[in-house]
Amino acid sequence: MLDTQPILVKSQTEMDNPLVWPIFEVLKQTPSGWKVHTLSAHLGELGFMPKLDDSPEKDLFKRNFLIMNALFQLQETVYPEKWLQVEAMEIEMKPMFRRSIHYINLDDPLRDYYMEWANYEANAGEVRRLLNEFWTRYRRFVGGDEPKEINFSRAQALRLFELNEAATDNEIRKTWRKLAMRWHPDREKGDAERFRVLCEAWNILRKDV
């Protein structure tokens, strides 16, 4: 008999890639038939994939890196409720069934490569600047063209996450993912406004994690 107990995954993520949520929305609407380059093109149409480098070769590499990094983060986030197949030429998200044998391979060298931000070929400051720009776009996307400004303090954001000041970076990040998955507007009982407020709170907290 197959072991159906959820597998605990130790996250190797140092920074949350905001492409996780646009990709999740895309896959909720169209779960299969994607390749990295077609997903990249679609994200560009949605305004989430700007030019990343003056060199066409480096621009392509960085686009692919960010998408693969986001896919591996999303794979971990939706598991074990759903299985996200992360292959450059075959990206698919499908429900997990009782006898499913899918599991996240922590020894996968491809996963290790794309989860390591140093391989993006940029310093930490450049990566954070880039992710800040993505978050700005995504917050606008979630809240509309002119989202209502929400000014959170760190303490208020932590209270919204039901955490205290002693919460570790890992606890904050895990709580964000749990709440985002619960309230994402594409979920059956999701709430767009609640999700937007959570995004604003995370925008405050993520700068310290």
N, C-alpha and C. Protein backbone atom coordinates (compact mmCIF):
# COMPACT_ATOMS: atom_id res chain seq x y z
N MET A 1 0.85 -1.19 0.00
CA MET A 1 0.00 0.00 0.00
C MET A 1 0.88 1.25 0.00
N LEU A 2 0.48 2.22 -0.78
CA LEU A 2 1.25 3.46 -0.88
C LEU A 2 1.09 4.30 0.38
N ASP A 3 2.18 4.94 0.78
CA ASP A 3 2.13 5.86 1.91
C ASP A 3 1.54 7.18 1.44
N THR A 4 0.38 7.55 1.97
CA THR A 4 -0.29 8.77 1.52
C THR A 4 -0.06 9.94 2.46
N GLN A 5 0.82 9.78 3.46
CA GLN A 5 1.09 10.87 4.38
C GLN A 5 1.85 11.99 3.68
N PRO A 6 1.51 13.24 3.96
CA PRO A 6 2.23 14.36 3.34
C PRO A 6 3.71 14.31 3.67
N ILE A 7 4.53 14.67 2.71
CA ILE A 7 5.97 14.72 2.90
C ILE A 7 6.35 16.12 3.34
N LEU A 8 7.08 16.23 4.43
CA LEU A 8 7.52 17.53 4.91
C LEU A 8 8.72 17.98 4.10
N VAL A 9 8.62 19.15 3.54
CA VAL A 9 9.67 19.66 2.67
C VAL A 9 10.38 20.81 3.35
N LYS A 10 11.67 20.72 3.43
CA LYS A 10 12.47 21.81 3.98
C LYS A 10 12.75 22.81 2.87
N SER A 11 12.24 24.00 3.01
CA SER A 11 12.39 25.01 1.96
C SER A 11 13.83 25.51 1.86
N GLN A 12 14.31 25.63 0.62
CA GLN A 12 15.63 26.19 0.37
C GLN A 12 15.52 27.63 -0.11
N THR A 13 14.30 28.17 -0.06
CA THR A 13 14.05 29.50 -0.60
C THR A 13 14.54 30.58 0.35
N GLU A 14 15.28 31.54 -0.17
CA GLU A 14 15.73 32.66 0.63
C GLU A 14 14.87 33.88 0.38
N MET A 15 14.28 33.98 -0.81
CA MET A 15 13.43 35.12 -1.15
C MET A 15 12.21 34.63 -1.90
N ASP A 16 11.05 35.12 -1.51
CA ASP A 16 9.83 34.73 -2.21
C ASP A 16 9.76 35.43 -3.56
N ASN A 17 9.59 34.65 -4.59
CA ASN A 17 9.50 35.16 -5.95
C ASN A 17 8.04 35.55 -6.22
N PRO A 18 7.74 36.83 -6.47
CA PRO A 18 6.35 37.23 -6.66
C PRO A 18 5.71 36.68 -7.93
N LEU A 19 6.50 36.07 -8.82
CA LEU A 19 5.91 35.42 -9.98
C LEU A 19 5.13 34.17 -9.60
N VAL A 20 5.34 33.69 -8.35
CA VAL A 20 4.61 32.50 -7.90
C VAL A 20 3.11 32.69 -8.07
N TRP A 21 2.59 33.84 -7.68
CA TRP A 21 1.14 34.03 -7.66
C TRP A 21 0.56 34.30 -9.03
N PRO A 22 1.18 35.12 -9.90
CA PRO A 22 0.66 35.20 -11.26
C PRO A 22 0.68 33.85 -11.97
N ILE A 23 1.75 33.05 -11.76
CA ILE A 23 1.82 31.74 -12.39
C ILE A 23 0.72 30.83 -11.84
N PHE A 24 0.47 30.91 -10.53
CA PHE A 24 -0.60 30.12 -9.95
C PHE A 24 -1.94 30.47 -10.59
N GLU A 25 -2.21 31.75 -10.79
CA GLU A 25 -3.46 32.18 -11.42
C GLU A 25 -3.56 31.65 -12.84
N VAL A 26 -2.45 31.71 -13.58
CA VAL A 26 -2.44 31.22 -14.95
C VAL A 26 -2.74 29.72 -14.98
N LEU A 27 -2.09 28.95 -14.09
CA LEU A 27 -2.27 27.51 -14.09
C LEU A 27 -3.65 27.10 -13.58
N LYS A 28 -4.26 27.92 -12.72
CA LYS A 28 -5.62 27.63 -12.28
C LYS A 28 -6.58 27.72 -13.47
N GLN A 29 -6.34 28.67 -14.35
CA GLN A 29 -7.20 28.85 -15.51
C GLN A 29 -6.89 27.86 -16.62
N THR A 30 -5.59 27.61 -16.83
CA THR A 30 -5.16 26.67 -17.87
C THR A 30 -4.08 25.78 -17.25
N PRO A 31 -4.46 24.62 -16.69
CA PRO A 31 -3.52 23.83 -15.91
C PRO A 31 -2.41 23.14 -16.69
N SER A 32 -2.58 22.97 -17.98
CA SER A 32 -1.58 22.21 -18.74
C SER A 32 -1.32 22.87 -20.09
N GLY A 33 -0.35 22.32 -20.81
CA GLY A 33 -0.03 22.81 -22.14
C GLY A 33 1.00 23.93 -22.16
N TRP A 34 1.67 24.16 -21.03
CA TRP A 34 2.63 25.25 -20.95
C TRP A 34 4.06 24.77 -21.08
N LYS A 35 4.87 25.60 -21.70
CA LYS A 35 6.31 25.45 -21.73
C LYS A 35 6.89 26.73 -21.15
N VAL A 36 8.15 26.71 -20.74
CA VAL A 36 8.72 27.89 -20.11
C VAL A 36 8.59 29.11 -21.01
N HIS A 37 8.88 28.95 -22.31
CA HIS A 37 8.86 30.12 -23.20
C HIS A 37 7.44 30.62 -23.45
N THR A 38 6.45 29.72 -23.50
CA THR A 38 5.07 30.19 -23.70
C THR A 38 4.53 30.83 -22.43
N LEU A 39 4.94 30.29 -21.27
CA LEU A 39 4.53 30.89 -20.00
C LEU A 39 5.17 32.26 -19.86
N SER A 40 6.42 32.38 -20.26
CA SER A 40 7.12 33.67 -20.21
C SER A 40 6.41 34.70 -21.08
N ALA A 41 6.02 34.30 -22.28
CA ALA A 41 5.33 35.21 -23.19
C ALA A 41 3.99 35.66 -22.60
N HIS A 42 3.27 34.73 -21.99
CA HIS A 42 1.97 35.06 -21.42
C HIS A 42 2.13 36.00 -20.23
N LEU A 43 3.12 35.75 -19.39
CA LEU A 43 3.37 36.64 -18.26
C LEU A 43 3.75 38.03 -18.75
N GLY A 44 4.46 38.09 -19.87
CA GLY A 44 4.80 39.38 -20.46
C GLY A 44 3.56 40.13 -20.89
N GLU A 45 2.59 39.42 -21.46
CA GLU A 45 1.34 40.05 -21.87
C GLU A 45 0.58 40.59 -20.67
N LEU A 46 0.73 39.93 -19.52
CA LEU A 46 0.04 40.36 -18.30
C LEU A 46 0.79 41.48 -17.58
N GLY A 47 2.01 41.79 -18.05
CA GLY A 47 2.78 42.87 -17.45
C GLY A 47 3.72 42.44 -16.35
N PHE A 48 4.02 41.14 -16.27
CA PHE A 48 4.87 40.64 -15.19
C PHE A 48 6.25 40.21 -15.65
N MET A 49 6.59 40.47 -16.89
CA MET A 49 7.88 40.01 -17.37
C MET A 49 8.57 41.13 -18.16
N PRO A 50 9.17 42.09 -17.48
CA PRO A 50 9.84 43.20 -18.16
C PRO A 50 11.19 42.75 -18.72
N LYS A 51 11.83 43.63 -19.45
CA LYS A 51 13.17 43.35 -19.94
C LYS A 51 14.11 43.29 -18.75
N LEU A 52 14.92 42.24 -18.68
CA LEU A 52 15.77 42.02 -17.51
C LEU A 52 17.24 42.27 -17.78
N ASP A 53 17.64 42.32 -19.04
CA ASP A 53 19.06 42.53 -19.36
C ASP A 53 19.17 43.05 -20.79
N ASP A 54 20.17 43.91 -21.03
CA ASP A 54 20.38 44.45 -22.36
C ASP A 54 20.84 43.37 -23.33
N SER A 55 21.51 42.36 -22.82
CA SER A 55 21.95 41.25 -23.67
C SER A 55 20.78 40.30 -23.89
N PRO A 56 20.40 40.02 -25.14
CA PRO A 56 19.28 39.11 -25.40
C PRO A 56 19.48 37.74 -24.78
N GLU A 57 20.72 37.25 -24.81
CA GLU A 57 20.99 35.93 -24.24
C GLU A 57 20.80 35.93 -22.72
N LYS A 58 21.32 36.97 -22.05
CA LYS A 58 21.18 37.05 -20.60
C LYS A 58 19.73 37.34 -20.21
N ASP A 59 19.03 38.14 -21.02
CA ASP A 59 17.63 38.43 -20.75
C ASP A 59 16.81 37.14 -20.77
N LEU A 60 17.05 36.30 -21.77
CA LEU A 60 16.34 35.03 -21.88
C LEU A 60 16.67 34.13 -20.69
N PHE A 61 17.96 34.08 -20.34
CA PHE A 61 18.37 33.24 -19.20
C PHE A 61 17.69 33.69 -17.92
N LYS A 62 17.66 35.00 -17.66
CA LYS A 62 17.09 35.51 -16.42
C LYS A 62 15.58 35.29 -16.37
N ARG A 63 14.92 35.43 -17.51
CA ARG A 63 13.48 35.15 -17.56
C ARG A 63 13.22 33.70 -17.19
N ASN A 64 13.98 32.80 -17.83
CA ASN A 64 13.80 31.38 -17.56
C ASN A 64 14.11 31.05 -16.11
N PHE A 65 15.15 31.68 -15.57
CA PHE A 65 15.53 31.41 -14.18
C PHE A 65 14.40 31.80 -13.23
N LEU A 66 13.86 33.00 -13.41
CA LEU A 66 12.80 33.47 -12.51
C LEU A 66 11.56 32.59 -12.60
N ILE A 67 11.23 32.15 -13.79
CA ILE A 67 10.05 31.30 -13.96
C ILE A 67 10.28 29.94 -13.31
N MET A 68 11.44 29.34 -13.55
CA MET A 68 11.72 28.03 -12.97
C MET A 68 11.80 28.12 -11.45
N ASN A 69 12.41 29.17 -10.94
CA ASN A 69 12.47 29.38 -9.49
C ASN A 69 11.06 29.47 -8.92
N ALA A 70 10.19 30.26 -9.58
CA ALA A 70 8.81 30.42 -9.11
C ALA A 70 8.05 29.10 -9.18
N LEU A 71 8.28 28.33 -10.23
CA LEU A 71 7.59 27.05 -10.38
C LEU A 71 7.97 26.08 -9.26
N PHE A 72 9.25 26.03 -8.92
CA PHE A 72 9.67 25.14 -7.85
C PHE A 72 9.14 25.62 -6.50
N GLN A 73 9.06 26.93 -6.29
CA GLN A 73 8.45 27.45 -5.06
C GLN A 73 6.97 27.09 -5.02
N LEU A 74 6.29 27.25 -6.15
CA LEU A 74 4.86 26.95 -6.22
C LEU A 74 4.62 25.46 -6.03
N GLN A 75 5.49 24.63 -6.57
CA GLN A 75 5.37 23.18 -6.40
C GLN A 75 5.33 22.82 -4.92
N GLU A 76 6.21 23.44 -4.17
CA GLU A 76 6.26 23.18 -2.73
C GLU A 76 5.05 23.76 -2.01
N THR A 77 4.56 24.91 -2.49
CA THR A 77 3.45 25.59 -1.84
C THR A 77 2.14 24.82 -1.98
N VAL A 78 1.87 24.26 -3.16
CA VAL A 78 0.59 23.58 -3.40
C VAL A 78 0.61 22.12 -2.97
N TYR A 79 1.79 21.57 -2.71
CA TYR A 79 1.91 20.18 -2.31
C TYR A 79 1.47 19.99 -0.85
N PRO A 80 0.74 18.94 -0.48
CA PRO A 80 0.38 17.77 -1.28
C PRO A 80 -1.03 17.83 -1.88
N GLU A 81 -1.70 18.98 -1.79
CA GLU A 81 -3.05 19.07 -2.35
C GLU A 81 -3.04 18.93 -3.87
N LYS A 82 -2.03 19.52 -4.49
CA LYS A 82 -1.90 19.45 -5.94
C LYS A 82 -0.48 19.05 -6.31
N TRP A 83 -0.32 18.52 -7.50
CA TRP A 83 1.02 18.21 -8.01
C TRP A 83 1.32 19.13 -9.18
N LEU A 84 2.43 19.84 -9.07
CA LEU A 84 2.88 20.71 -10.15
C LEU A 84 4.09 20.07 -10.79
N GLN A 85 3.94 19.68 -12.02
CA GLN A 85 5.06 19.10 -12.78
C GLN A 85 5.91 20.23 -13.33
N VAL A 86 7.16 20.25 -12.93
CA VAL A 86 8.07 21.32 -13.34
C VAL A 86 9.10 20.76 -14.31
N GLU A 87 8.80 20.88 -15.56
CA GLU A 87 9.72 20.53 -16.63
C GLU A 87 9.66 21.64 -17.67
N ALA A 88 10.80 22.02 -18.20
CA ALA A 88 10.86 23.18 -19.08
C ALA A 88 9.88 23.09 -20.25
N MET A 89 9.68 21.88 -20.77
CA MET A 89 8.82 21.72 -21.93
C MET A 89 7.46 21.12 -21.60
N GLU A 90 7.19 20.91 -20.32
CA GLU A 90 5.89 20.36 -19.93
C GLU A 90 5.56 20.76 -18.51
N ILE A 91 4.81 21.84 -18.38
CA ILE A 91 4.41 22.37 -17.08
C ILE A 91 2.92 22.09 -16.91
N GLU A 92 2.58 21.42 -15.83
CA GLU A 92 1.19 21.02 -15.61
C GLU A 92 0.88 20.97 -14.12
N MET A 93 -0.28 21.47 -13.74
CA MET A 93 -0.74 21.39 -12.35
C MET A 93 -2.02 20.57 -12.31
N LYS A 94 -2.04 19.55 -11.46
CA LYS A 94 -3.21 18.68 -11.39
C LYS A 94 -3.46 18.26 -9.95
N PRO A 95 -4.69 17.86 -9.65
CA PRO A 95 -5.01 17.43 -8.28
C PRO A 95 -4.23 16.18 -7.91
N MET A 96 -3.95 16.04 -6.62
CA MET A 96 -3.33 14.82 -6.11
C MET A 96 -4.44 13.86 -5.67
N PHE A 97 -4.36 12.63 -6.12
CA PHE A 97 -5.34 11.63 -5.74
C PHE A 97 -4.75 10.70 -4.68
N ARG A 98 -5.61 9.92 -4.06
CA ARG A 98 -5.20 9.11 -2.92
C ARG A 98 -4.01 8.22 -3.24
N ARG A 99 -3.97 7.68 -4.45
CA ARG A 99 -2.90 6.76 -4.80
C ARG A 99 -1.82 7.42 -5.65
N SER A 100 -1.78 8.74 -5.61
CA SER A 100 -0.74 9.44 -6.36
C SER A 100 0.63 9.11 -5.78
N ILE A 101 1.60 9.00 -6.66
CA ILE A 101 2.95 8.64 -6.23
C ILE A 101 3.91 9.80 -6.42
N HIS A 102 3.39 10.97 -6.69
CA HIS A 102 4.26 12.13 -6.89
C HIS A 102 4.85 12.59 -5.57
N TYR A 103 6.09 12.99 -5.59
CA TYR A 103 6.73 13.55 -4.42
C TYR A 103 7.80 14.53 -4.87
N ILE A 104 8.14 15.44 -3.98
CA ILE A 104 9.15 16.43 -4.29
C ILE A 104 10.53 15.84 -4.00
N ASN A 105 11.34 15.80 -5.03
CA ASN A 105 12.68 15.22 -4.90
C ASN A 105 13.65 16.32 -4.46
N LEU A 106 14.03 16.28 -3.20
CA LEU A 106 14.93 17.30 -2.66
C LEU A 106 16.34 17.18 -3.20
N ASP A 107 16.64 16.04 -3.83
CA ASP A 107 17.97 15.83 -4.39
C ASP A 107 18.03 16.12 -5.88
N ASP A 108 16.95 16.65 -6.42
CA ASP A 108 16.91 16.97 -7.84
C ASP A 108 17.90 18.10 -8.13
N PRO A 109 18.95 17.86 -8.92
CA PRO A 109 19.94 18.91 -9.19
C PRO A 109 19.35 20.11 -9.91
N LEU A 110 18.32 19.89 -10.73
CA LEU A 110 17.68 21.02 -11.42
C LEU A 110 16.99 21.92 -10.42
N ARG A 111 16.29 21.32 -9.46
CA ARG A 111 15.64 22.09 -8.41
C ARG A 111 16.67 22.86 -7.59
N ASP A 112 17.74 22.20 -7.23
CA ASP A 112 18.80 22.84 -6.45
C ASP A 112 19.34 24.06 -7.18
N TYR A 113 19.53 23.91 -8.48
CA TYR A 113 20.11 25.01 -9.27
C TYR A 113 19.20 26.22 -9.27
N TYR A 114 17.92 26.01 -9.56
CA TYR A 114 17.01 27.14 -9.70
C TYR A 114 16.53 27.70 -8.36
N MET A 115 16.73 26.97 -7.29
CA MET A 115 16.38 27.51 -5.97
C MET A 115 17.54 28.28 -5.36
N GLU A 116 18.67 28.29 -6.00
CA GLU A 116 19.84 29.01 -5.51
C GLU A 116 19.95 30.34 -6.25
N TRP A 117 19.63 31.44 -5.53
CA TRP A 117 19.57 32.75 -6.16
C TRP A 117 20.92 33.21 -6.71
N ALA A 118 22.00 32.68 -6.18
CA ALA A 118 23.32 33.07 -6.68
C ALA A 118 23.48 32.72 -8.15
N ASN A 119 22.73 31.73 -8.63
CA ASN A 119 22.84 31.32 -10.03
C ASN A 119 22.12 32.26 -10.98
N TYR A 120 21.42 33.24 -10.42
CA TYR A 120 20.75 34.24 -11.27
C TYR A 120 21.78 35.18 -11.91
N GLU A 121 23.00 35.11 -11.46
CA GLU A 121 24.10 35.94 -11.99
C GLU A 121 23.88 37.42 -11.66
N ALA A 122 23.49 37.66 -10.45
CA ALA A 122 23.31 39.05 -10.00
C ALA A 122 23.58 39.09 -8.51
N ASN A 123 23.96 40.27 -8.01
CA ASN A 123 24.18 40.36 -6.58
C ASN A 123 22.83 40.45 -5.85
N ALA A 124 22.88 40.29 -4.54
CA ALA A 124 21.64 40.25 -3.75
C ALA A 124 20.84 41.54 -3.89
N GLY A 125 21.54 42.69 -3.98
CA GLY A 125 20.84 43.96 -4.11
C GLY A 125 20.06 44.05 -5.40
N GLU A 126 20.64 43.56 -6.49
CA GLU A 126 19.94 43.61 -7.78
C GLU A 126 18.73 42.69 -7.76
N VAL A 127 18.89 41.51 -7.18
CA VAL A 127 17.77 40.57 -7.11
C VAL A 127 16.62 41.17 -6.30
N ARG A 128 16.94 41.77 -5.15
CA ARG A 128 15.90 42.36 -4.31
C ARG A 128 15.22 43.53 -5.03
N ARG A 129 15.99 44.34 -5.75
CA ARG A 129 15.41 45.44 -6.51
C ARG A 129 14.43 44.91 -7.55
N LEU A 130 14.85 43.86 -8.25
CA LEU A 130 14.00 43.27 -9.26
C LEU A 130 12.70 42.74 -8.65
N LEU A 131 12.81 42.03 -7.52
CA LEU A 131 11.62 41.47 -6.89
C LEU A 131 10.72 42.56 -6.33
N ASN A 132 11.33 43.66 -5.88
CA ASN A 132 10.51 44.80 -5.43
C ASN A 132 9.67 45.34 -6.58
N GLU A 133 10.27 45.42 -7.77
CA GLU A 133 9.52 45.90 -8.94
C GLU A 133 8.39 44.95 -9.29
N PHE A 134 8.66 43.64 -9.22
CA PHE A 134 7.62 42.66 -9.50
C PHE A 134 6.48 42.78 -8.50
N TRP A 135 6.85 42.98 -7.21
CA TRP A 135 5.81 43.10 -6.19
C TRP A 135 4.95 44.33 -6.41
N THR A 136 5.57 45.42 -6.85
CA THR A 136 4.81 46.63 -7.15
C THR A 136 3.78 46.35 -8.23
N ARG A 137 4.20 45.64 -9.28
CA ARG A 137 3.28 45.29 -10.37
C ARG A 137 2.17 44.38 -9.86
N TYR A 138 2.53 43.40 -9.05
CA TYR A 138 1.54 42.44 -8.61
C TYR A 138 0.53 43.07 -7.66
N ARG A 139 0.98 43.93 -6.77
CA ARG A 139 0.06 44.60 -5.86
C ARG A 139 -0.93 45.45 -6.65
N ARG A 140 -0.46 46.10 -7.70
CA ARG A 140 -1.36 46.89 -8.55
C ARG A 140 -2.35 45.98 -9.27
N PHE A 141 -1.86 44.81 -9.69
CA PHE A 141 -2.71 43.85 -10.39
C PHE A 141 -3.81 43.33 -9.46
N VAL A 142 -3.45 43.04 -8.22
CA VAL A 142 -4.41 42.51 -7.25
C VAL A 142 -5.43 43.57 -6.86
N GLY A 143 -4.95 44.81 -6.69
CA GLY A 143 -5.82 45.86 -6.17
C GLY A 143 -6.51 46.69 -7.22
N GLY A 144 -6.21 46.46 -8.49
CA GLY A 144 -6.79 47.27 -9.54
C GLY A 144 -5.84 48.37 -9.97
N ASP A 145 -6.27 49.23 -10.87
CA ASP A 145 -5.41 50.28 -11.40
C ASP A 145 -4.99 51.27 -10.32
N GLU A 146 -5.89 51.56 -9.40
CA GLU A 146 -5.57 52.50 -8.33
C GLU A 146 -5.98 51.90 -6.99
N PRO A 147 -5.18 50.91 -6.51
CA PRO A 147 -5.54 50.27 -5.25
C PRO A 147 -5.50 51.24 -4.08
N LYS A 148 -6.41 51.03 -3.14
CA LYS A 148 -6.43 51.86 -1.94
C LYS A 148 -5.17 51.62 -1.13
N GLU A 149 -4.51 52.69 -0.74
CA GLU A 149 -3.26 52.59 0.01
C GLU A 149 -3.54 52.09 1.42
N ILE A 150 -2.74 51.09 1.83
CA ILE A 150 -2.84 50.55 3.18
C ILE A 150 -1.48 50.72 3.84
N ASN A 151 -1.44 51.44 4.92
CA ASN A 151 -0.18 51.69 5.61
C ASN A 151 -0.09 50.81 6.85
N PHE A 152 0.71 49.76 6.74
CA PHE A 152 0.91 48.84 7.85
C PHE A 152 2.22 49.15 8.56
N SER A 153 2.22 48.98 9.87
CA SER A 153 3.47 48.90 10.60
C SER A 153 3.86 47.42 10.63
N ARG A 154 5.10 47.14 10.97
CA ARG A 154 5.53 45.75 11.07
C ARG A 154 4.71 45.00 12.12
N ALA A 155 4.45 45.66 13.26
CA ALA A 155 3.70 45.02 14.33
C ALA A 155 2.27 44.68 13.87
N GLN A 156 1.65 45.60 13.12
CA GLN A 156 0.29 45.36 12.62
C GLN A 156 0.28 44.21 11.62
N ALA A 157 1.30 44.18 10.77
CA ALA A 157 1.39 43.11 9.78
C ALA A 157 1.56 41.76 10.46
N LEU A 158 2.38 41.71 11.50
CA LEU A 158 2.58 40.46 12.24
C LEU A 158 1.29 40.02 12.92
N ARG A 159 0.54 40.98 13.47
CA ARG A 159 -0.74 40.63 14.11
C ARG A 159 -1.71 40.05 13.09
N LEU A 160 -1.71 40.60 11.89
CA LEU A 160 -2.58 40.08 10.84
C LEU A 160 -2.20 38.65 10.50
N PHE A 161 -0.91 38.36 10.58
CA PHE A 161 -0.43 37.00 10.34
C PHE A 161 -0.56 36.11 11.58
N GLU A 162 -1.09 36.70 12.68
CA GLU A 162 -1.23 36.00 13.96
C GLU A 162 0.12 35.51 14.46
N LEU A 163 1.13 36.38 14.32
CA LEU A 163 2.47 36.10 14.81
C LEU A 163 2.90 37.22 15.75
N ASN A 164 3.91 36.95 16.56
CA ASN A 164 4.43 37.98 17.44
C ASN A 164 5.82 38.42 16.97
N GLU A 165 6.39 39.36 17.69
CA GLU A 165 7.68 39.92 17.28
C GLU A 165 8.81 38.90 17.32
N ALA A 166 8.59 37.82 18.05
CA ALA A 166 9.63 36.79 18.15
C ALA A 166 9.60 35.80 16.98
N ALA A 167 8.65 35.98 16.06
CA ALA A 167 8.53 35.06 14.92
C ALA A 167 9.81 35.06 14.08
N THR A 168 10.24 33.89 13.67
CA THR A 168 11.44 33.77 12.84
C THR A 168 11.11 34.08 11.38
N ASP A 169 12.14 34.34 10.58
CA ASP A 169 11.94 34.59 9.16
C ASP A 169 11.22 33.42 8.50
N ASN A 170 11.61 32.21 8.87
CA ASN A 170 11.01 31.02 8.29
C ASN A 170 9.53 30.91 8.67
N GLU A 171 9.19 31.23 9.91
CA GLU A 171 7.80 31.19 10.35
C GLU A 171 6.96 32.22 9.61
N ILE A 172 7.51 33.41 9.41
CA ILE A 172 6.79 34.46 8.68
C ILE A 172 6.54 34.04 7.25
N ARG A 173 7.56 33.50 6.61
CA ARG A 173 7.43 33.09 5.21
C ARG A 173 6.41 31.96 5.06
N LYS A 174 6.47 30.98 5.94
CA LYS A 174 5.53 29.86 5.87
C LYS A 174 4.10 30.32 6.13
N THR A 175 3.94 31.25 7.06
CA THR A 175 2.60 31.76 7.36
C THR A 175 2.04 32.53 6.17
N TRP A 176 2.88 33.33 5.53
CA TRP A 176 2.45 34.05 4.33
C TRP A 176 1.94 33.08 3.28
N ARG A 177 2.68 32.03 3.01
CA ARG A 177 2.27 31.08 1.98
C ARG A 177 0.96 30.39 2.36
N LYS A 178 0.84 30.02 3.63
CA LYS A 178 -0.38 29.36 4.09
C LYS A 178 -1.59 30.27 3.94
N LEU A 179 -1.46 31.53 4.36
CA LEU A 179 -2.58 32.47 4.26
C LEU A 179 -2.89 32.82 2.81
N ALA A 180 -1.84 32.98 2.00
CA ALA A 180 -2.05 33.33 0.60
C ALA A 180 -2.80 32.21 -0.12
N MET A 181 -2.42 30.97 0.16
CA MET A 181 -3.11 29.85 -0.47
C MET A 181 -4.56 29.76 0.00
N ARG A 182 -4.81 30.11 1.25
CA ARG A 182 -6.17 30.03 1.78
C ARG A 182 -7.08 31.09 1.18
N TRP A 183 -6.57 32.32 1.04
CA TRP A 183 -7.44 33.44 0.66
C TRP A 183 -7.28 33.88 -0.79
N HIS A 184 -6.43 33.21 -1.55
CA HIS A 184 -6.25 33.59 -2.95
C HIS A 184 -7.61 33.60 -3.65
N PRO A 185 -7.91 34.64 -4.43
CA PRO A 185 -9.24 34.77 -5.04
C PRO A 185 -9.61 33.64 -5.99
N ASP A 186 -8.62 32.87 -6.46
CA ASP A 186 -8.94 31.74 -7.33
C ASP A 186 -9.31 30.48 -6.56
N ARG A 187 -9.16 30.54 -5.23
CA ARG A 187 -9.56 29.39 -4.42
C ARG A 187 -11.08 29.36 -4.26
N GLU A 188 -11.63 28.20 -3.93
CA GLU A 188 -13.08 28.05 -3.83
C GLU A 188 -13.68 29.03 -2.83
N LYS A 189 -13.03 29.21 -1.67
CA LYS A 189 -13.53 30.12 -0.64
C LYS A 189 -12.59 31.31 -0.48
N GLY A 190 -11.93 31.68 -1.56
CA GLY A 190 -11.00 32.79 -1.52
C GLY A 190 -11.70 34.13 -1.38
N ASP A 191 -10.92 35.15 -1.07
CA ASP A 191 -11.46 36.49 -0.87
C ASP A 191 -10.45 37.48 -1.42
N ALA A 192 -10.80 38.15 -2.53
CA ALA A 192 -9.87 39.04 -3.21
C ALA A 192 -9.40 40.17 -2.30
N GLU A 193 -10.32 40.76 -1.53
CA GLU A 193 -9.95 41.88 -0.67
C GLU A 193 -9.05 41.41 0.48
N ARG A 194 -9.39 40.27 1.06
CA ARG A 194 -8.56 39.73 2.15
C ARG A 194 -7.16 39.41 1.61
N PHE A 195 -7.11 38.84 0.42
CA PHE A 195 -5.82 38.50 -0.18
C PHE A 195 -5.01 39.75 -0.45
N ARG A 196 -5.65 40.81 -0.93
CA ARG A 196 -4.94 42.06 -1.20
C ARG A 196 -4.34 42.64 0.07
N VAL A 197 -5.12 42.61 1.17
CA VAL A 197 -4.63 43.11 2.45
C VAL A 197 -3.44 42.28 2.92
N LEU A 198 -3.52 40.97 2.74
CA LEU A 198 -2.41 40.09 3.11
C LEU A 198 -1.17 40.41 2.28
N CYS A 199 -1.37 40.71 1.00
CA CYS A 199 -0.25 41.09 0.15
C CYS A 199 0.43 42.35 0.67
N GLU A 200 -0.37 43.30 1.13
CA GLU A 200 0.19 44.54 1.67
C GLU A 200 0.99 44.26 2.94
N ALA A 201 0.44 43.39 3.79
CA ALA A 201 1.16 43.03 5.02
C ALA A 201 2.46 42.31 4.70
N TRP A 202 2.39 41.39 3.74
CA TRP A 202 3.61 40.68 3.36
C TRP A 202 4.63 41.61 2.73
N ASN A 203 4.17 42.62 2.02
CA ASN A 203 5.09 43.57 1.41
C ASN A 203 5.92 44.28 2.48
N ILE A 204 5.34 44.46 3.66
CA ILE A 204 6.09 45.06 4.78
C ILE A 204 7.05 44.03 5.37
N LEU A 205 6.55 42.83 5.60
CA LEU A 205 7.35 41.82 6.31
C LEU A 205 8.45 41.23 5.46
N ARG A 206 8.22 41.09 4.15
CA ARG A 206 9.18 40.41 3.28
C ARG A 206 10.52 41.17 3.21
N LYS A 207 10.50 42.47 3.47
CA LYS A 207 11.71 43.26 3.38
C LYS A 207 12.71 42.91 4.48
N ASP A 208 12.20 42.22 5.51
CA ASP A 208 13.09 41.84 6.63
C ASP A 208 13.42 40.36 6.60
N VAL A 209 12.77 39.61 5.70
CA VAL A 209 13.06 38.17 5.65
C VAL A 209 13.80 37.85 4.39
